[in-house]
Amino acid sequence: MDPTLLARMQFGITTVYHFFFVPLTLGLSVLVAIMETLYVRTGKQVYKDMTKFWGKLFVINFAMGVVTGIVQEFQFGMNWSEYSRFVGDIFGAPLAIEALLAFFLESTFLGIWLFGWDKLSKGLHAGAIWLVAIGSNVSALWILIANSFMQQPVGYIINNGRAEMQDFFALLTNPNVWVMFPHTVASGFVTGAFFVMGISAYHLVKKSNPDFFRRSFQIAAIMGALSIAFVGINGHAQAQHMIQTQPMKMAAAEALWETEDPASFSLITITDLAQTKDIFSIRIPRVLTLLAYNRLDGEVKGIYNLQAEYEQLYGPGDYIPPIIVTYWTFRIMVGAGTLLLGVALYALWMTRDRQFDRKTKILGLFPYLIALPYLANTAGWLMTELGRDPWVVFGLMKIEDAVSPTVSLGMVATTLVGFTLIYAVLMAADIYLLRKFSQSGFPVPGETPAPQTPGEKFPSLAG
């Protein structure tokens, strides 16, 4: 077996684990900041209680995200040393800025926020959580600036077989960043909103502190509806950009073998990869062209034609990404996103009724819907990265050339198994803690709070 395959599996698995925590951090940080801002503006105790309750869950998730993220950067120098040698001058800059600026910003002010209750003024304390939220999302920006160079290389020169930065401003203004970053952040907002709605619905069904969780549900419903609508609009722009810069990825996502003008959109396609042809397909005429160009006529290049073009441009080789994975992850992402849009709009409409918490049968479904954003996020990431195959840096470096030549099969296999098991334990711990503290609810004013578990880590958040 090739160590490259195991190295790819290791990075993919650790990234999927890490990306379980990141979107919730992006969205929940902003929701907690909004709740504390409402407390500062209104002085109502319920908003302070909401800030502390959801803030506790945010801190648990944040801690796990930090632990899982650190390992990824080590892999660049271990499993992927040739990649780091080739592109380190460029890729390292945004990662260093992310750590020194964004991560230090969010972690420093998270500490101030955690230990600053009743020590800072209400306004300063709320400012601290806003800086945490800003830092979290700026952190995502720098990571995506680095990733966007892999998708669409800009601002570089090739010198002595290495890519060197020529224009830092070009990295910042990379067109791929400004379709990818809003999509990622908005997806995080959706994740945070459905997380809050799901837990709030659980307590509303149980009739546990209904005023507290009714308000939480309403705030999350507003954020969820606005965010998922933006995700859809931005996703359309992102797809159009993809057709211009990585047309093979879109052709694979649509199982479009031959160039079409106008191009049809695949509702469902069953493909025979051995014969590179469709066994069964239902397609809607002209819709792919409409999505690509906002008009009903226009050429979308197919897999065969692009393969021939890439052979002429880059030399002999297989430039076709894994069709089945790219095709179905795209549909999982879009399908889950469409369902999220419908649910979010219904949740927003439902909250117009002041007694919406009586709809227990409907609310009982929301805890299960927490999984939907995670499904969409993971599918979208897999499609983005695997659809670029065989490139690690599009047009510049292939995956097979990026792996460390001195890493043996046994080394990668050992660390793959080790990291997978460790991350599985961390994932289980995170889910256990989130479930434990989310199900505990928040005491109704006047009730005797439940005794804290010995060794509880965040007593200051409990009030």
Protein backbone atom coordinates (compact mmCIF):
# COMPACT_ATOMS: atom_id res chain seq x y z
CA MET A 1 0.00 0.00 0.00
CA ASP A 2 1.19 3.52 -0.83
CA PRO A 3 2.00 5.75 2.22
CA THR A 4 0.42 8.63 0.28
CA LEU A 5 -3.04 7.06 0.62
CA LEU A 6 -2.63 6.62 4.38
CA ALA A 7 -1.25 10.15 4.73
CA ARG A 8 -4.30 11.49 2.90
CA MET A 9 -6.59 9.42 5.10
CA GLN A 10 -4.87 10.70 8.23
CA PHE A 11 -5.16 14.34 7.25
CA GLY A 12 -8.74 13.85 6.08
CA ILE A 13 -9.84 12.12 9.28
CA THR A 14 -8.17 14.65 11.58
CA THR A 15 -9.67 17.51 9.57
CA VAL A 16 -13.18 16.04 9.71
CA TYR A 17 -12.80 15.66 13.47
CA HIS A 18 -11.52 19.23 13.78
CA PHE A 19 -14.24 20.59 11.53
CA PHE A 20 -16.81 19.10 13.87
CA PHE A 21 -15.89 21.83 16.37
CA VAL A 22 -15.00 24.81 14.18
CA PRO A 23 -18.41 25.75 12.72
CA LEU A 24 -20.05 25.62 16.15
CA THR A 25 -17.32 27.88 17.53
CA LEU A 26 -17.92 30.40 14.72
CA GLY A 27 -21.68 30.50 15.19
CA LEU A 28 -22.10 30.00 18.93
CA SER A 29 -19.55 32.71 19.78
CA VAL A 30 -21.64 35.28 17.91
CA LEU A 31 -24.90 34.04 19.45
CA VAL A 32 -23.45 34.30 22.96
CA ALA A 33 -22.19 37.81 22.14
CA ILE A 34 -25.66 38.82 20.92
CA MET A 35 -27.26 37.46 24.09
CA GLU A 36 -24.89 39.38 26.34
CA THR A 37 -25.45 42.52 24.27
CA LEU A 38 -29.19 42.12 24.90
CA TYR A 39 -28.41 41.83 28.61
CA VAL A 40 -26.36 45.04 28.52
CA ARG A 41 -29.07 46.90 26.58
CA THR A 42 -32.09 45.68 28.56
CA GLY A 43 -30.67 44.74 31.96
CA LYS A 44 -32.91 41.64 32.01
CA GLN A 45 -31.56 38.77 34.06
CA VAL A 46 -32.82 36.20 31.57
CA TYR A 47 -30.33 37.38 28.95
CA LYS A 48 -27.47 37.15 31.45
CA ASP A 49 -28.58 33.61 32.28
CA MET A 50 -28.72 32.78 28.57
CA THR A 51 -25.20 34.14 28.08
CA LYS A 52 -23.83 31.97 30.88
CA PHE A 53 -25.67 28.82 29.84
CA TRP A 54 -24.76 28.93 26.16
CA GLY A 55 -21.33 30.32 27.02
CA LYS A 56 -20.56 27.19 29.03
CA LEU A 57 -21.32 25.03 25.99
CA PHE A 58 -19.23 27.33 23.81
CA VAL A 59 -16.19 26.97 26.09
CA ILE A 60 -16.43 23.16 26.06
CA ASN A 61 -16.54 23.13 22.26
CA PHE A 62 -13.77 25.73 21.96
CA ALA A 63 -11.37 23.70 24.12
CA MET A 64 -11.87 20.60 22.00
CA GLY A 65 -11.37 22.57 18.80
CA VAL A 66 -7.98 23.83 19.97
CA VAL A 67 -6.78 20.33 20.84
CA THR A 68 -7.76 18.85 17.48
CA GLY A 69 -6.44 21.77 15.43
CA ILE A 70 -2.86 21.75 16.68
CA VAL A 71 -2.11 18.28 15.28
CA GLN A 72 -3.01 19.31 11.74
CA GLU A 73 -0.15 21.79 11.45
CA PHE A 74 2.36 19.20 12.62
CA GLN A 75 1.34 16.98 9.71
CA PHE A 76 2.58 19.56 7.21
CA GLY A 77 6.14 19.03 8.38
CA MET A 78 5.85 15.29 8.95
CA ASN A 79 3.65 13.54 6.38
CA TRP A 80 3.73 16.40 3.88
CA SER A 81 7.28 17.76 4.07
CA GLU A 82 7.62 18.06 0.28
CA TYR A 83 4.49 20.17 0.21
CA SER A 84 5.87 22.36 3.01
CA ARG A 85 9.20 22.69 1.22
CA PHE A 86 7.51 23.72 -2.01
CA VAL A 87 4.92 26.15 -0.70
CA GLY A 88 5.98 26.89 2.90
CA ASP A 89 7.05 30.47 2.15
CA ILE A 90 3.50 31.26 1.09
CA PHE A 91 1.36 28.87 3.11
CA GLY A 92 3.20 29.57 6.37
CA ALA A 93 2.52 33.31 6.40
CA PRO A 94 -1.29 33.26 6.85
CA LEU A 95 -1.02 30.34 9.29
CA ALA A 96 1.48 32.29 11.41
CA ILE A 97 -0.73 35.38 11.36
CA GLU A 98 -3.72 33.25 12.32
CA ALA A 99 -1.91 31.94 15.38
CA LEU A 100 -0.25 35.19 16.46
CA LEU A 101 -3.18 37.49 15.80
CA ALA A 102 -6.54 35.76 15.63
CA PHE A 103 -6.02 32.80 17.98
CA PHE A 104 -4.24 34.88 20.64
CA LEU A 105 -7.03 37.46 20.38
CA GLU A 106 -9.81 34.97 20.94
CA SER A 107 -8.02 32.93 23.61
CA THR A 108 -6.88 36.00 25.59
CA PHE A 109 -10.27 37.64 25.66
CA LEU A 110 -11.99 34.32 26.33
CA GLY A 111 -9.97 34.17 29.55
CA ILE A 112 -10.94 37.75 30.37
CA TRP A 113 -14.58 36.92 29.69
CA LEU A 114 -14.54 33.74 31.76
CA PHE A 115 -13.01 35.33 34.84
CA GLY A 116 -14.33 38.84 34.37
CA TRP A 117 -17.92 38.33 35.56
CA ASP A 118 -18.74 40.96 38.22
CA LYS A 119 -15.19 42.33 37.90
CA LEU A 120 -15.60 44.27 34.66
CA SER A 121 -18.39 46.64 33.77
CA LYS A 122 -21.21 45.08 31.77
CA GLY A 123 -20.15 46.88 28.62
CA LEU A 124 -16.48 45.86 28.86
CA HIS A 125 -17.43 42.28 29.63
CA ALA A 126 -19.70 42.14 26.59
CA GLY A 127 -16.88 43.67 24.55
CA ALA A 128 -14.64 40.78 25.58
CA ILE A 129 -17.00 38.13 24.16
CA TRP A 130 -17.40 40.15 20.97
CA LEU A 131 -13.61 40.13 20.57
CA VAL A 132 -13.68 36.36 21.09
CA ALA A 133 -16.30 36.05 18.35
CA ILE A 134 -14.38 38.36 16.02
CA GLY A 135 -11.14 36.51 16.73
CA SER A 136 -12.76 33.16 15.97
CA ASN A 137 -14.06 34.32 12.63
CA VAL A 138 -10.87 36.20 11.70
CA SER A 139 -9.02 32.96 12.49
CA ALA A 140 -11.19 31.24 9.88
CA LEU A 141 -10.31 34.01 7.41
CA TRP A 142 -6.56 33.41 7.65
CA ILE A 143 -6.97 29.66 7.40
CA LEU A 144 -9.06 30.11 4.26
CA ILE A 145 -6.53 32.54 2.79
CA ALA A 146 -4.00 29.72 3.07
CA ASN A 147 -6.42 27.15 1.67
CA SER A 148 -7.46 29.44 -1.18
CA PHE A 149 -3.88 29.48 -2.45
CA MET A 150 -4.23 25.71 -2.86
CA GLN A 151 -7.47 26.22 -4.78
CA GLN A 152 -6.36 29.21 -6.88
CA PRO A 153 -2.64 30.06 -6.62
CA VAL A 154 -1.91 33.82 -6.85
CA GLY A 155 0.88 36.21 -5.92
CA TYR A 156 3.79 33.81 -6.35
CA ILE A 157 6.84 33.04 -8.45
CA ILE A 158 8.62 29.70 -8.94
CA ASN A 159 12.25 30.00 -7.88
CA ASN A 160 14.62 27.02 -7.68
CA GLY A 161 11.75 24.58 -7.71
CA ARG A 162 9.85 26.33 -4.89
CA ALA A 163 6.85 28.66 -4.85
CA GLU A 164 7.82 31.97 -3.24
CA MET A 165 5.55 34.83 -2.29
CA GLN A 166 5.77 37.78 -4.63
CA ASP A 167 2.64 39.72 -3.68
CA PHE A 168 1.15 39.35 -0.19
CA PHE A 169 -1.73 41.65 -1.13
CA ALA A 170 -2.65 39.24 -3.94
CA LEU A 171 -3.09 36.50 -1.33
CA LEU A 172 -5.47 38.72 0.63
CA THR A 173 -7.49 39.64 -2.44
CA ASN A 174 -7.56 36.14 -3.91
CA PRO A 175 -11.05 35.89 -5.46
CA ASN A 176 -11.45 32.40 -4.03
CA VAL A 177 -11.16 33.76 -0.47
CA TRP A 178 -14.08 36.09 -0.90
CA VAL A 179 -16.48 33.39 -2.03
CA MET A 180 -15.14 30.74 0.36
CA PHE A 181 -14.89 32.77 3.59
CA PRO A 182 -18.48 34.11 3.67
CA HIS A 183 -19.77 30.62 2.85
CA THR A 184 -17.78 29.02 5.67
CA VAL A 185 -18.66 31.65 8.28
CA ALA A 186 -22.35 31.66 7.39
CA SER A 187 -22.36 27.86 7.59
CA GLY A 188 -20.93 28.22 11.09
CA PHE A 189 -23.73 30.60 12.01
CA VAL A 190 -26.24 28.03 10.76
CA THR A 191 -24.54 25.34 12.85
CA GLY A 192 -24.68 27.50 15.98
CA ALA A 193 -28.30 28.44 15.34
CA PHE A 194 -29.50 24.85 14.91
CA PHE A 195 -27.48 23.80 17.96
CA VAL A 196 -29.27 26.39 20.08
CA MET A 197 -32.67 25.66 18.53
CA GLY A 198 -32.27 21.92 19.05
CA ILE A 199 -31.33 22.17 22.73
CA SER A 200 -33.95 24.85 23.36
CA ALA A 201 -36.61 22.68 21.73
CA TYR A 202 -35.59 19.77 23.95
CA HIS A 203 -36.23 21.85 27.07
CA LEU A 204 -39.42 23.37 25.71
CA VAL A 205 -40.81 19.88 25.18
CA LYS A 206 -39.88 19.09 28.77
CA LYS A 207 -41.40 22.44 29.84
CA SER A 208 -38.13 23.30 31.57
CA ASN A 209 -37.83 27.08 32.11
CA PRO A 210 -39.94 27.90 29.04
CA ASP A 211 -39.31 31.67 29.02
CA PHE A 212 -35.54 31.12 28.99
CA PHE A 213 -35.54 28.60 26.17
CA ARG A 214 -38.33 30.29 24.21
CA ARG A 215 -36.16 33.42 23.91
CA SER A 216 -33.11 31.32 23.02
CA PHE A 217 -35.06 29.53 20.29
CA GLN A 218 -36.34 32.82 18.86
CA ILE A 219 -32.88 34.40 18.67
CA ALA A 220 -31.44 31.28 17.05
CA ALA A 221 -34.33 31.03 14.57
CA ILE A 222 -33.68 34.56 13.34
CA MET A 223 -29.97 33.91 12.96
CA GLY A 224 -30.52 30.52 11.36
CA ALA A 225 -32.97 31.78 8.72
CA LEU A 226 -30.80 34.74 7.72
CA SER A 227 -27.61 32.69 7.66
CA ILE A 228 -28.88 29.73 5.64
CA ALA A 229 -30.43 32.08 3.08
CA PHE A 230 -27.04 33.77 2.73
CA VAL A 231 -25.31 30.38 2.44
CA GLY A 232 -27.52 29.56 -0.55
CA ILE A 233 -26.90 32.88 -2.29
CA ASN A 234 -23.17 32.76 -1.66
CA GLY A 235 -23.02 29.09 -2.67
CA HIS A 236 -24.37 30.07 -6.07
CA ALA A 237 -21.56 32.62 -6.47
CA GLN A 238 -19.04 30.05 -5.28
CA ALA A 239 -20.22 27.52 -7.87
CA GLN A 240 -19.88 30.10 -10.65
CA HIS A 241 -16.36 30.90 -9.49
CA MET A 242 -15.54 27.19 -9.43
CA ILE A 243 -16.61 26.77 -13.04
CA GLN A 244 -14.15 29.50 -14.02
CA THR A 245 -11.17 28.32 -11.94
CA GLN A 246 -11.68 24.55 -11.40
CA PRO A 247 -14.07 23.42 -14.13
CA MET A 248 -13.12 19.76 -13.64
CA LYS A 249 -14.47 19.86 -10.08
CA MET A 250 -17.87 21.07 -11.30
CA ALA A 251 -17.90 18.59 -14.18
CA ALA A 252 -17.24 15.78 -11.67
CA ALA A 253 -19.88 17.14 -9.30
CA GLU A 254 -22.39 16.90 -12.14
CA ALA A 255 -21.06 13.68 -13.72
CA LEU A 256 -20.88 15.69 -16.94
CA TRP A 257 -18.79 13.54 -19.28
CA GLU A 258 -19.20 15.56 -22.47
CA THR A 259 -19.17 19.32 -22.98
CA GLU A 260 -22.71 20.69 -23.32
CA ASP A 261 -24.10 24.00 -24.54
CA PRO A 262 -26.51 24.51 -22.91
CA ALA A 263 -25.66 22.13 -20.06
CA SER A 264 -28.17 20.07 -18.11
CA PHE A 265 -28.29 19.69 -14.33
CA SER A 266 -28.21 16.18 -12.87
CA LEU A 267 -30.96 15.29 -10.41
CA ILE A 268 -29.58 11.78 -10.08
CA THR A 269 -26.98 9.91 -12.07
CA ILE A 270 -25.76 6.33 -11.71
CA THR A 271 -22.36 5.99 -13.35
CA ASP A 272 -20.33 3.02 -14.59
CA LEU A 273 -16.81 4.15 -13.74
CA ALA A 274 -15.20 1.21 -15.54
CA GLN A 275 -16.88 2.22 -18.79
CA THR A 276 -16.89 5.94 -17.89
CA LYS A 277 -20.50 6.30 -18.87
CA ASP A 278 -23.90 6.78 -17.26
CA ILE A 279 -26.13 3.79 -16.56
CA PHE A 280 -29.08 5.88 -15.48
CA SER A 281 -29.55 9.62 -15.34
CA ILE A 282 -32.30 12.18 -14.80
CA ARG A 283 -31.20 15.65 -15.92
CA ILE A 284 -32.96 19.00 -16.22
CA PRO A 285 -32.10 20.75 -19.50
CA ARG A 286 -30.26 24.12 -19.37
CA VAL A 287 -30.27 24.40 -15.56
CA LEU A 288 -26.51 23.88 -15.12
CA THR A 289 -25.87 26.60 -17.69
CA LEU A 290 -28.32 28.85 -15.83
CA LEU A 291 -26.45 28.22 -12.56
CA ALA A 292 -23.11 28.81 -14.26
CA TYR A 293 -23.86 32.00 -16.15
CA ASN A 294 -27.30 33.26 -15.02
CA ARG A 295 -28.58 32.72 -18.55
CA LEU A 296 -30.00 29.81 -20.54
CA ASP A 297 -27.20 29.47 -23.08
CA GLY A 298 -23.52 28.87 -22.47
CA GLU A 299 -20.97 26.07 -22.60
CA VAL A 300 -20.01 23.98 -19.58
CA LYS A 301 -17.01 21.77 -20.26
CA GLY A 302 -17.22 18.03 -19.68
CA ILE A 303 -14.81 15.60 -18.05
CA TYR A 304 -13.45 14.12 -21.30
CA ASN A 305 -12.74 17.52 -22.83
CA LEU A 306 -11.08 18.85 -19.69
CA GLN A 307 -8.93 15.73 -19.37
CA ALA A 308 -7.64 16.31 -22.90
CA GLU A 309 -6.99 20.00 -22.19
CA TYR A 310 -5.13 19.24 -18.96
CA GLU A 311 -2.96 16.61 -20.68
CA GLN A 312 -1.89 19.23 -23.20
CA LEU A 313 -1.34 21.84 -20.50
CA TYR A 314 0.23 19.79 -17.69
CA GLY A 315 1.45 16.64 -19.44
CA PRO A 316 0.26 13.02 -19.39
CA GLY A 317 -1.70 11.89 -16.34
CA ASP A 318 -5.13 11.30 -14.86
CA TYR A 319 -6.74 14.62 -13.97
CA ILE A 320 -10.19 13.26 -13.14
CA PRO A 321 -11.14 13.46 -9.43
CA PRO A 322 -13.12 10.66 -7.73
CA ILE A 323 -16.44 11.05 -9.53
CA ILE A 324 -18.72 9.23 -7.08
CA VAL A 325 -17.40 11.05 -4.00
CA THR A 326 -17.47 14.48 -5.67
CA TYR A 327 -20.93 13.90 -7.16
CA TRP A 328 -22.62 12.64 -4.00
CA THR A 329 -20.95 14.97 -1.49
CA PHE A 330 -22.17 17.88 -3.62
CA ARG A 331 -25.71 16.53 -3.48
CA ILE A 332 -25.55 15.80 0.23
CA MET A 333 -24.37 19.35 0.85
CA VAL A 334 -27.03 20.94 -1.34
CA GLY A 335 -29.78 18.60 -0.14
CA ALA A 336 -28.99 19.17 3.53
CA GLY A 337 -28.73 22.92 2.90
CA THR A 338 -32.12 23.00 1.20
CA LEU A 339 -33.69 21.13 4.09
CA LEU A 340 -32.01 23.50 6.55
CA LEU A 341 -33.43 26.47 4.69
CA GLY A 342 -36.96 25.07 4.86
CA VAL A 343 -36.67 24.21 8.56
CA ALA A 344 -35.12 27.57 9.46
CA LEU A 345 -37.83 29.52 7.65
CA TYR A 346 -40.51 27.39 9.30
CA ALA A 347 -38.91 27.91 12.72
CA LEU A 348 -38.87 31.67 12.14
CA TRP A 349 -42.51 31.64 11.05
CA MET A 350 -43.44 29.43 14.02
CA THR A 351 -41.98 31.88 16.54
CA ARG A 352 -44.52 34.52 15.51
CA ASP A 353 -46.93 32.63 17.76
CA ARG A 354 -46.10 33.52 21.36
CA GLN A 355 -47.25 30.08 22.39
CA PHE A 356 -45.20 28.18 19.84
CA ASP A 357 -43.63 26.19 22.67
CA ARG A 358 -46.89 24.21 22.90
CA LYS A 359 -46.15 22.56 19.53
CA THR A 360 -44.28 19.78 21.25
CA LYS A 361 -44.50 17.25 18.39
CA ILE A 362 -42.78 19.63 16.00
CA LEU A 363 -40.28 20.87 18.57
CA GLY A 364 -39.40 17.28 19.39
CA LEU A 365 -37.81 16.97 15.93
CA PHE A 366 -35.39 19.86 16.36
CA PRO A 367 -32.83 18.07 18.58
CA TYR A 368 -32.30 15.55 15.78
CA LEU A 369 -31.85 18.35 13.25
CA ILE A 370 -28.68 19.49 15.03
CA ALA A 371 -26.88 16.86 12.92
CA LEU A 372 -27.92 18.42 9.59
CA PRO A 373 -25.43 21.33 9.53
CA TYR A 374 -22.61 18.96 10.46
CA LEU A 375 -23.58 16.71 7.56
CA ALA A 376 -23.64 19.64 5.15
CA ASN A 377 -20.34 21.07 6.46
CA THR A 378 -18.49 17.77 6.19
CA ALA A 379 -19.86 16.97 2.73
CA GLY A 380 -18.96 20.45 1.50
CA TRP A 381 -15.40 20.18 2.78
CA LEU A 382 -14.92 16.73 1.22
CA MET A 383 -16.22 17.96 -2.11
CA THR A 384 -13.98 21.04 -2.00
CA GLU A 385 -10.80 19.09 -1.25
CA LEU A 386 -11.32 15.76 -3.03
CA GLY A 387 -12.77 17.49 -6.08
CA ARG A 388 -9.34 19.12 -6.58
CA ASP A 389 -7.64 15.73 -7.00
CA PRO A 390 -4.95 15.10 -8.27
CA TRP A 391 -3.72 18.53 -7.21
CA VAL A 392 -2.63 19.59 -3.76
CA VAL A 393 -1.92 23.06 -5.16
CA PHE A 394 -4.04 23.42 -8.26
CA GLY A 395 -1.94 23.45 -11.41
CA LEU A 396 1.37 23.53 -9.50
CA MET A 397 1.82 20.44 -7.36
CA LYS A 398 0.22 17.01 -7.42
CA ILE A 399 -0.65 15.10 -4.26
CA GLU A 400 1.78 12.30 -5.09
CA ASP A 401 4.65 14.81 -5.13
CA ALA A 402 3.72 16.41 -1.79
CA VAL A 403 4.14 13.48 0.61
CA SER A 404 7.30 13.08 2.68
CA PRO A 405 9.74 10.67 0.99
CA THR A 406 11.22 9.49 4.31
CA VAL A 407 7.92 8.54 5.96
CA SER A 408 7.34 4.80 5.86
CA LEU A 409 4.08 2.93 5.53
CA GLY A 410 4.37 1.68 9.11
CA MET A 411 4.90 5.18 10.50
CA VAL A 412 1.82 6.59 8.78
CA ALA A 413 -0.30 3.55 9.65
CA THR A 414 0.64 3.80 13.33
CA THR A 415 -0.11 7.51 13.61
CA LEU A 416 -3.30 7.10 11.55
CA VAL A 417 -4.68 4.53 13.97
CA GLY A 418 -3.42 6.47 16.99
CA PHE A 419 -4.88 9.83 15.99
CA THR A 420 -8.15 8.28 14.89
CA LEU A 421 -8.62 6.58 18.25
CA ILE A 422 -7.52 9.61 20.30
CA TYR A 423 -9.79 11.91 18.34
CA ALA A 424 -12.66 9.46 18.71
CA VAL A 425 -12.19 9.61 22.50
CA LEU A 426 -12.08 13.42 22.39
CA MET A 427 -15.19 13.49 20.21
CA ALA A 428 -17.01 11.21 22.65
CA ALA A 429 -15.90 13.39 25.56
CA ASP A 430 -17.08 16.53 23.80
CA ILE A 431 -20.48 15.05 22.97
CA TYR A 432 -20.81 13.73 26.53
CA LEU A 433 -20.01 17.11 28.08
CA LEU A 434 -22.20 19.06 25.67
CA ARG A 435 -25.08 16.65 26.26
CA LYS A 436 -24.61 16.66 30.03
CA PHE A 437 -24.57 20.43 30.43
CA SER A 438 -27.19 21.11 27.75
CA GLN A 439 -29.66 18.67 29.32
CA SER A 440 -29.13 20.15 32.78
CA GLY A 441 -30.83 23.32 31.65
CA PHE A 442 -30.74 26.54 33.63
CA PRO A 443 -32.47 26.95 36.99
CA VAL A 444 -35.73 28.86 36.97
CA PRO A 445 -35.41 31.99 39.13
CA GLY A 446 -36.35 31.03 42.65
CA GLU A 447 -35.49 27.34 42.21
CA THR A 448 -32.66 25.75 44.14
CA PRO A 449 -29.87 25.03 41.67
CA ALA A 450 -28.83 21.42 41.29
CA PRO A 451 -25.62 20.62 43.14
CA GLN A 452 -22.53 20.87 40.99
CA THR A 453 -20.65 17.78 40.04
CA PRO A 454 -17.35 17.59 41.95
CA GLY A 455 -14.55 18.96 39.84
CA GLU A 456 -16.84 20.92 37.50
CA LYS A 457 -14.54 23.05 35.42
CA PHE A 458 -16.57 26.21 34.84
CA PRO A 459 -18.32 27.15 38.10
CA SER A 460 -18.01 30.86 37.31
CA LEU A 461 -20.31 30.41 34.30
CA ALA A 462 -23.04 28.90 36.42
CA GLY A 463 -23.64 32.20 38.16
